[in-house]
Amino acid sequence: MERKEQLKGLAASCGKTSKCPYCYCELSKIPKRKAKCQSCKKAIYPRKDPLSGEPRLYREGDLFLLEELKALADGWWNSWYKSNKSILSARKDLANEWGTDEVNVSIEDARWRKLHTDLADGNEKQDWNQVYLAYESILRLVQRERSQEKTPLSELVAGFMVTGYGRNRVIDGYRIGRPQFMLIEQLTTEPDNVYDLIKDTHTAKSYCNVLDVSLNTIIERYMSELEAEAKLLKEIVNNRNKSVETEVSLNQIETQSSIKPNKISKSNLLILLILFSMLGLMAFIH
């Protein structure tokens, strides 16, 4: 595979041993942890080359390549590449659009480009499962980056909700499941306020029209799943409490059983002592 063949060359040319990997300024001291170059003020990352084990100094944009090289060194590169091929492609496309080197394109930007491409492709093919998964991934990226204020959350939640609850899946029906539905409350608002959050969005209106479903129906299916989840959790807690109560009762019975023989044995001992005393007294009298 072409990419795999390129990796050894990329590893050899990536990073510096004693110079800043950005401006190539000779460093007075080799950093042992993340540090800033005194000349260009950019972050330097000390790491070991996954293939050679040699300590080197890397740019922030090199870290994704190091992750790939680590996968190669550990023997699971094929799986890694399959999962990240689209991100590498998106990064290359952005670098060409911006007229810069790929290393200057952040992986976060590449991920955003990849997800928006997936979303557009799913809409074009009317593959609503792909569209739903793209919205889910976008919301998770927003959560991970804590970028709620920088994104149109109401539109994203609307797309996630309608394509999630608006399509009837054969196995799970109108469910999206935990922890997916938890994203909505974690990122936006209480379940009772979701309708107000998305009712006026262009996204909700468009998908409801395409999928021929009302927003009220979407909200009803959402609330129904939350209620079913709450009921299930309550049953689990109750069963757990019953198990604890049963265990405590059994322990009490076991404790009482272990104490009872001791009481009997002490009582018997007392009777025997009295008998021996009486026998001794009778012998003395005779």
Protein backbone atom coordinates (compact mmCIF):
# COMPACT_ATOMS: atom_id res chain seq x y z
CA MET A 1 0.00 0.00 0.00
CA GLU A 2 1.37 3.39 -1.04
CA ARG A 3 0.78 5.13 2.28
CA LYS A 4 2.43 2.34 4.24
CA GLU A 5 5.48 2.49 1.98
CA GLN A 6 5.81 6.23 2.61
CA LEU A 7 5.78 5.98 6.38
CA LYS A 8 9.42 5.05 6.97
CA GLY A 9 10.52 8.01 4.87
CA LEU A 10 8.13 10.31 6.70
CA ALA A 11 9.41 9.05 10.06
CA ALA A 12 13.03 9.72 9.07
CA SER A 13 12.33 13.27 7.90
CA CYS A 14 10.00 14.23 10.74
CA GLY A 15 11.30 15.91 13.88
CA LYS A 16 14.68 17.31 14.94
CA THR A 17 17.25 16.15 17.46
CA SER A 18 18.58 19.46 18.83
CA LYS A 19 16.89 22.24 16.82
CA CYS A 20 13.45 23.79 16.94
CA PRO A 21 11.31 21.78 14.49
CA TYR A 22 9.65 25.02 13.29
CA CYS A 23 12.34 27.67 12.88
CA TYR A 24 15.39 25.35 13.09
CA CYS A 25 16.96 27.53 15.77
CA GLU A 26 19.61 25.67 17.78
CA LEU A 27 18.26 25.07 21.28
CA SER A 28 20.40 25.81 24.32
CA LYS A 29 18.74 22.98 26.20
CA ILE A 30 16.88 19.95 24.90
CA PRO A 31 13.43 19.94 26.55
CA LYS A 32 12.24 16.80 28.31
CA ARG A 33 8.57 17.81 28.13
CA LYS A 34 6.39 20.16 26.11
CA ALA A 35 8.06 23.57 25.87
CA LYS A 36 8.06 26.77 23.80
CA CYS A 37 10.85 27.74 21.46
CA GLN A 38 12.51 30.93 22.74
CA SER A 39 12.85 32.15 19.17
CA CYS A 40 9.50 31.48 17.42
CA LYS A 41 7.42 30.86 20.59
CA LYS A 42 5.81 27.73 19.15
CA ALA A 43 5.17 24.54 21.14
CA ILE A 44 7.80 21.79 20.90
CA TYR A 45 6.89 18.19 21.73
CA PRO A 46 9.69 15.82 22.86
CA ARG A 47 8.79 12.27 21.78
CA LYS A 48 10.48 9.04 20.75
CA ASP A 49 10.35 7.98 17.12
CA PRO A 50 8.03 4.93 17.30
CA LEU A 51 10.10 3.06 14.70
CA SER A 52 13.68 3.79 15.81
CA GLY A 53 13.12 4.71 19.45
CA GLU A 54 15.29 7.80 18.93
CA PRO A 55 14.34 10.89 21.02
CA ARG A 56 13.27 13.73 18.74
CA LEU A 57 11.54 17.10 18.88
CA TYR A 58 8.25 17.45 17.01
CA ARG A 59 5.74 20.06 15.92
CA GLU A 60 2.14 19.85 17.11
CA GLY A 61 1.12 18.95 13.58
CA ASP A 62 3.44 15.91 13.65
CA LEU A 63 1.62 14.20 16.53
CA PHE A 64 -0.99 12.52 14.33
CA LEU A 65 1.80 11.03 12.21
CA LEU A 66 3.42 9.74 15.40
CA GLU A 67 0.14 8.07 16.29
CA GLU A 68 0.12 6.39 12.89
CA LEU A 69 3.76 5.32 13.24
CA LYS A 70 3.01 3.87 16.66
CA ALA A 71 0.22 1.79 15.09
CA LEU A 72 2.70 0.59 12.47
CA ALA A 73 5.31 -0.31 15.09
CA ASP A 74 2.72 -2.18 17.18
CA GLY A 75 1.41 -4.15 14.20
CA TRP A 76 -2.15 -2.78 13.87
CA TRP A 77 -1.60 -0.14 11.20
CA ASN A 78 -4.17 -1.59 8.76
CA SER A 79 -6.96 -1.12 11.30
CA TRP A 80 -5.71 2.36 12.22
CA TYR A 81 -5.53 3.45 8.59
CA LYS A 82 -9.01 2.12 7.83
CA SER A 83 -10.42 4.24 10.68
CA ASN A 84 -8.43 7.39 9.87
CA LYS A 85 -8.04 7.33 6.08
CA SER A 86 -10.87 9.81 5.58
CA ILE A 87 -9.33 12.22 8.11
CA LEU A 88 -5.97 12.09 6.32
CA SER A 89 -7.78 12.77 3.04
CA ALA A 90 -9.69 15.70 4.54
CA ARG A 91 -6.45 17.13 5.93
CA LYS A 92 -4.82 16.91 2.52
CA ASP A 93 -7.80 18.61 0.86
CA LEU A 94 -7.74 21.46 3.37
CA ALA A 95 -3.98 21.91 2.92
CA ASN A 96 -4.50 22.22 -0.85
CA GLU A 97 -7.34 24.71 -0.38
CA TRP A 98 -5.38 26.83 2.05
CA GLY A 99 -2.12 26.60 0.12
CA THR A 100 -0.14 25.28 3.07
CA ASP A 101 1.66 22.16 4.26
CA GLU A 102 -0.50 19.42 5.76
CA VAL A 103 1.32 19.72 9.08
CA ASN A 104 -0.18 23.21 9.44
CA VAL A 105 -3.72 21.81 9.25
CA SER A 106 -4.93 20.64 12.63
CA ILE A 107 -6.52 17.23 13.01
CA GLU A 108 -9.54 18.96 14.59
CA ASP A 109 -10.07 20.93 11.36
CA ALA A 110 -9.66 17.75 9.35
CA ARG A 111 -12.24 15.96 11.51
CA TRP A 112 -14.72 18.79 11.06
CA ARG A 113 -14.22 18.68 7.29
CA LYS A 114 -14.66 14.90 7.23
CA LEU A 115 -17.89 15.01 9.26
CA HIS A 116 -19.43 17.77 7.15
CA THR A 117 -18.51 15.79 4.03
CA ASP A 118 -20.24 12.72 5.50
CA LEU A 119 -23.29 14.82 6.30
CA ALA A 120 -23.52 16.30 2.82
CA ASP A 121 -22.97 12.89 1.20
CA GLY A 122 -25.67 11.27 3.36
CA ASN A 123 -28.17 14.01 2.53
CA GLU A 124 -27.45 13.69 -1.17
CA LYS A 125 -28.01 9.90 -1.08
CA GLN A 126 -30.87 10.24 1.43
CA ASP A 127 -29.05 7.77 3.63
CA TRP A 128 -30.61 8.88 6.92
CA ASN A 129 -28.55 6.50 9.00
CA GLN A 130 -25.36 8.11 7.66
CA VAL A 131 -26.84 11.54 8.30
CA TYR A 132 -27.80 10.61 11.87
CA LEU A 133 -24.33 9.15 12.60
CA ALA A 134 -22.70 12.30 11.20
CA TYR A 135 -24.79 14.49 13.52
CA GLU A 136 -23.94 12.24 16.47
CA SER A 137 -20.22 12.45 15.71
CA ILE A 138 -20.42 16.23 15.31
CA LEU A 139 -22.11 16.58 18.70
CA ARG A 140 -19.49 14.37 20.32
CA LEU A 141 -16.76 16.51 18.76
CA VAL A 142 -18.46 19.63 20.12
CA GLN A 143 -18.60 17.97 23.54
CA ARG A 144 -14.94 16.92 23.43
CA GLU A 145 -13.76 20.36 22.30
CA ARG A 146 -16.23 22.20 24.56
CA SER A 147 -17.09 24.37 21.60
CA GLN A 148 -20.84 24.76 22.27
CA GLU A 149 -20.74 28.53 21.90
CA LYS A 150 -18.99 28.33 18.54
CA THR A 151 -21.49 26.02 16.87
CA PRO A 152 -25.20 26.27 15.92
CA LEU A 153 -26.22 23.76 18.58
CA SER A 154 -29.96 24.08 18.08
CA GLU A 155 -29.58 23.18 14.39
CA LEU A 156 -27.26 20.27 15.19
CA VAL A 157 -29.58 18.89 17.88
CA ALA A 158 -32.54 19.26 15.51
CA GLY A 159 -30.79 17.19 12.84
CA PHE A 160 -29.75 14.60 15.40
CA MET A 161 -33.25 14.35 16.90
CA VAL A 162 -35.28 14.17 13.69
CA THR A 163 -33.03 11.76 11.81
CA GLY A 164 -32.65 9.68 14.97
CA TYR A 165 -36.32 9.37 15.95
CA GLY A 166 -37.82 9.96 12.53
CA ARG A 167 -36.68 6.73 10.88
CA ASN A 168 -38.11 3.37 11.86
CA ARG A 169 -35.25 0.94 12.38
CA VAL A 170 -36.07 -2.75 12.18
CA ILE A 171 -34.33 -3.80 15.40
CA ASP A 172 -34.67 -0.90 17.85
CA GLY A 173 -37.63 0.88 16.30
CA TYR A 174 -37.90 4.55 17.25
CA ARG A 175 -35.00 4.50 19.69
CA ILE A 176 -31.51 5.91 19.61
CA GLY A 177 -30.41 4.51 22.98
CA ARG A 178 -28.08 5.50 25.75
CA PRO A 179 -25.61 7.21 25.81
CA GLN A 180 -26.60 8.88 22.53
CA PHE A 181 -29.73 10.63 23.79
CA MET A 182 -27.77 11.88 26.82
CA LEU A 183 -25.82 14.16 24.47
CA ILE A 184 -28.86 16.38 24.07
CA GLU A 185 -29.19 17.23 27.76
CA GLN A 186 -25.43 17.35 28.34
CA LEU A 187 -24.91 19.90 25.58
CA THR A 188 -28.10 21.93 25.58
CA THR A 189 -31.05 21.86 27.92
CA GLU A 190 -33.47 19.81 30.02
CA PRO A 191 -35.57 17.25 28.09
CA ASP A 192 -38.78 19.23 28.71
CA ASN A 193 -37.27 22.23 26.91
CA VAL A 194 -35.95 20.46 23.81
CA TYR A 195 -39.07 21.23 21.77
CA ASP A 196 -38.61 24.97 22.33
CA LEU A 197 -34.92 24.63 21.46
CA ILE A 198 -35.44 23.14 17.99
CA LYS A 199 -38.99 24.02 16.92
CA ASP A 200 -38.00 27.08 14.88
CA THR A 201 -34.85 25.63 13.31
CA HIS A 202 -34.57 25.27 9.57
CA THR A 203 -33.04 21.82 10.09
CA ALA A 204 -36.01 20.43 12.02
CA LYS A 205 -38.51 21.76 9.48
CA SER A 206 -36.54 20.37 6.54
CA TYR A 207 -36.02 16.85 7.91
CA CYS A 208 -39.57 16.59 9.26
CA ASN A 209 -40.82 17.42 5.79
CA VAL A 210 -38.49 14.96 4.03
CA LEU A 211 -39.18 12.13 6.50
CA ASP A 212 -42.89 12.95 6.66
CA VAL A 213 -43.02 13.13 10.44
CA SER A 214 -44.18 15.88 12.80
CA LEU A 215 -41.90 17.46 15.36
CA ASN A 216 -44.45 16.60 18.06
CA THR A 217 -44.06 12.93 17.15
CA ILE A 218 -40.26 13.23 17.37
CA ILE A 219 -40.50 14.77 20.85
CA GLU A 220 -43.02 12.11 21.98
CA ARG A 221 -40.65 9.32 20.90
CA TYR A 222 -37.77 11.05 22.67
CA MET A 223 -39.70 11.46 25.93
CA SER A 224 -41.00 7.89 25.67
CA GLU A 225 -37.47 6.56 25.50
CA LEU A 226 -36.41 8.67 28.49
CA GLU A 227 -39.37 7.36 30.50
CA ALA A 228 -38.56 3.75 29.57
CA GLU A 229 -34.95 4.33 30.56
CA ALA A 230 -35.94 5.87 33.90
CA LYS A 231 -38.28 2.94 34.61
CA LEU A 232 -35.54 0.45 33.80
CA LEU A 233 -33.05 2.21 36.06
CA LYS A 234 -35.60 2.28 38.88
CA GLU A 235 -36.15 -1.48 38.54
CA ILE A 236 -32.40 -2.08 38.61
CA VAL A 237 -32.02 0.02 41.79
CA ASN A 238 -34.97 -1.73 43.45
CA ASN A 239 -33.60 -5.17 42.58
CA ARG A 240 -30.21 -4.15 43.90
CA ASN A 241 -31.75 -2.91 47.16
CA LYS A 242 -33.70 -6.17 47.52
CA SER A 243 -30.49 -8.13 47.00
CA VAL A 244 -28.75 -6.08 49.68
CA GLU A 245 -31.66 -6.59 52.10
CA THR A 246 -31.65 -10.34 51.45
CA GLU A 247 -27.91 -10.51 51.99
CA VAL A 248 -28.20 -8.59 55.28
CA SER A 249 -30.98 -10.92 56.47
CA LEU A 250 -28.93 -14.00 55.61
CA ASN A 251 -25.93 -12.57 57.44
CA GLN A 252 -28.06 -11.92 60.51
CA ILE A 253 -29.41 -15.49 60.44
CA GLU A 254 -25.90 -16.87 60.04
CA THR A 255 -24.66 -14.73 62.92
CA GLN A 256 -27.49 -15.84 65.19
CA SER A 257 -26.87 -19.48 64.26
CA SER A 258 -23.21 -19.18 65.13
CA ILE A 259 -24.01 -17.59 68.51
CA LYS A 260 -26.74 -20.06 69.57
CA PRO A 261 -24.52 -23.15 69.99
CA ASN A 262 -22.20 -21.17 72.25
CA LYS A 263 -25.12 -20.29 74.55
CA ILE A 264 -26.21 -23.95 74.67
CA SER A 265 -22.72 -25.17 75.42
CA LYS A 266 -22.33 -22.66 78.32
CA SER A 267 -25.68 -23.71 79.74
CA ASN A 268 -24.73 -27.37 79.55
CA LEU A 269 -21.42 -26.60 81.21
CA LEU A 270 -23.20 -24.88 84.09
CA ILE A 271 -25.52 -27.88 84.60
CA LEU A 272 -22.56 -30.24 84.60
CA LEU A 273 -20.75 -28.14 87.17
CA ILE A 274 -23.81 -28.22 89.45
CA LEU A 275 -24.12 -32.00 89.07
CA PHE A 276 -20.43 -32.50 89.83
CA SER A 277 -20.73 -30.25 92.85
CA MET A 278 -23.73 -32.22 94.16
CA LEU A 279 -21.97 -35.54 93.56
CA GLY A 280 -18.91 -34.26 95.36
CA LEU A 281 -21.03 -33.07 98.26
CA MET A 282 -22.81 -36.44 98.51
CA ALA A 283 -19.49 -38.29 98.51
CA PHE A 284 -18.22 -36.03 101.27
CA ILE A 285 -21.35 -36.68 103.40
CA HIS A 286 -21.04 -40.44 103.00
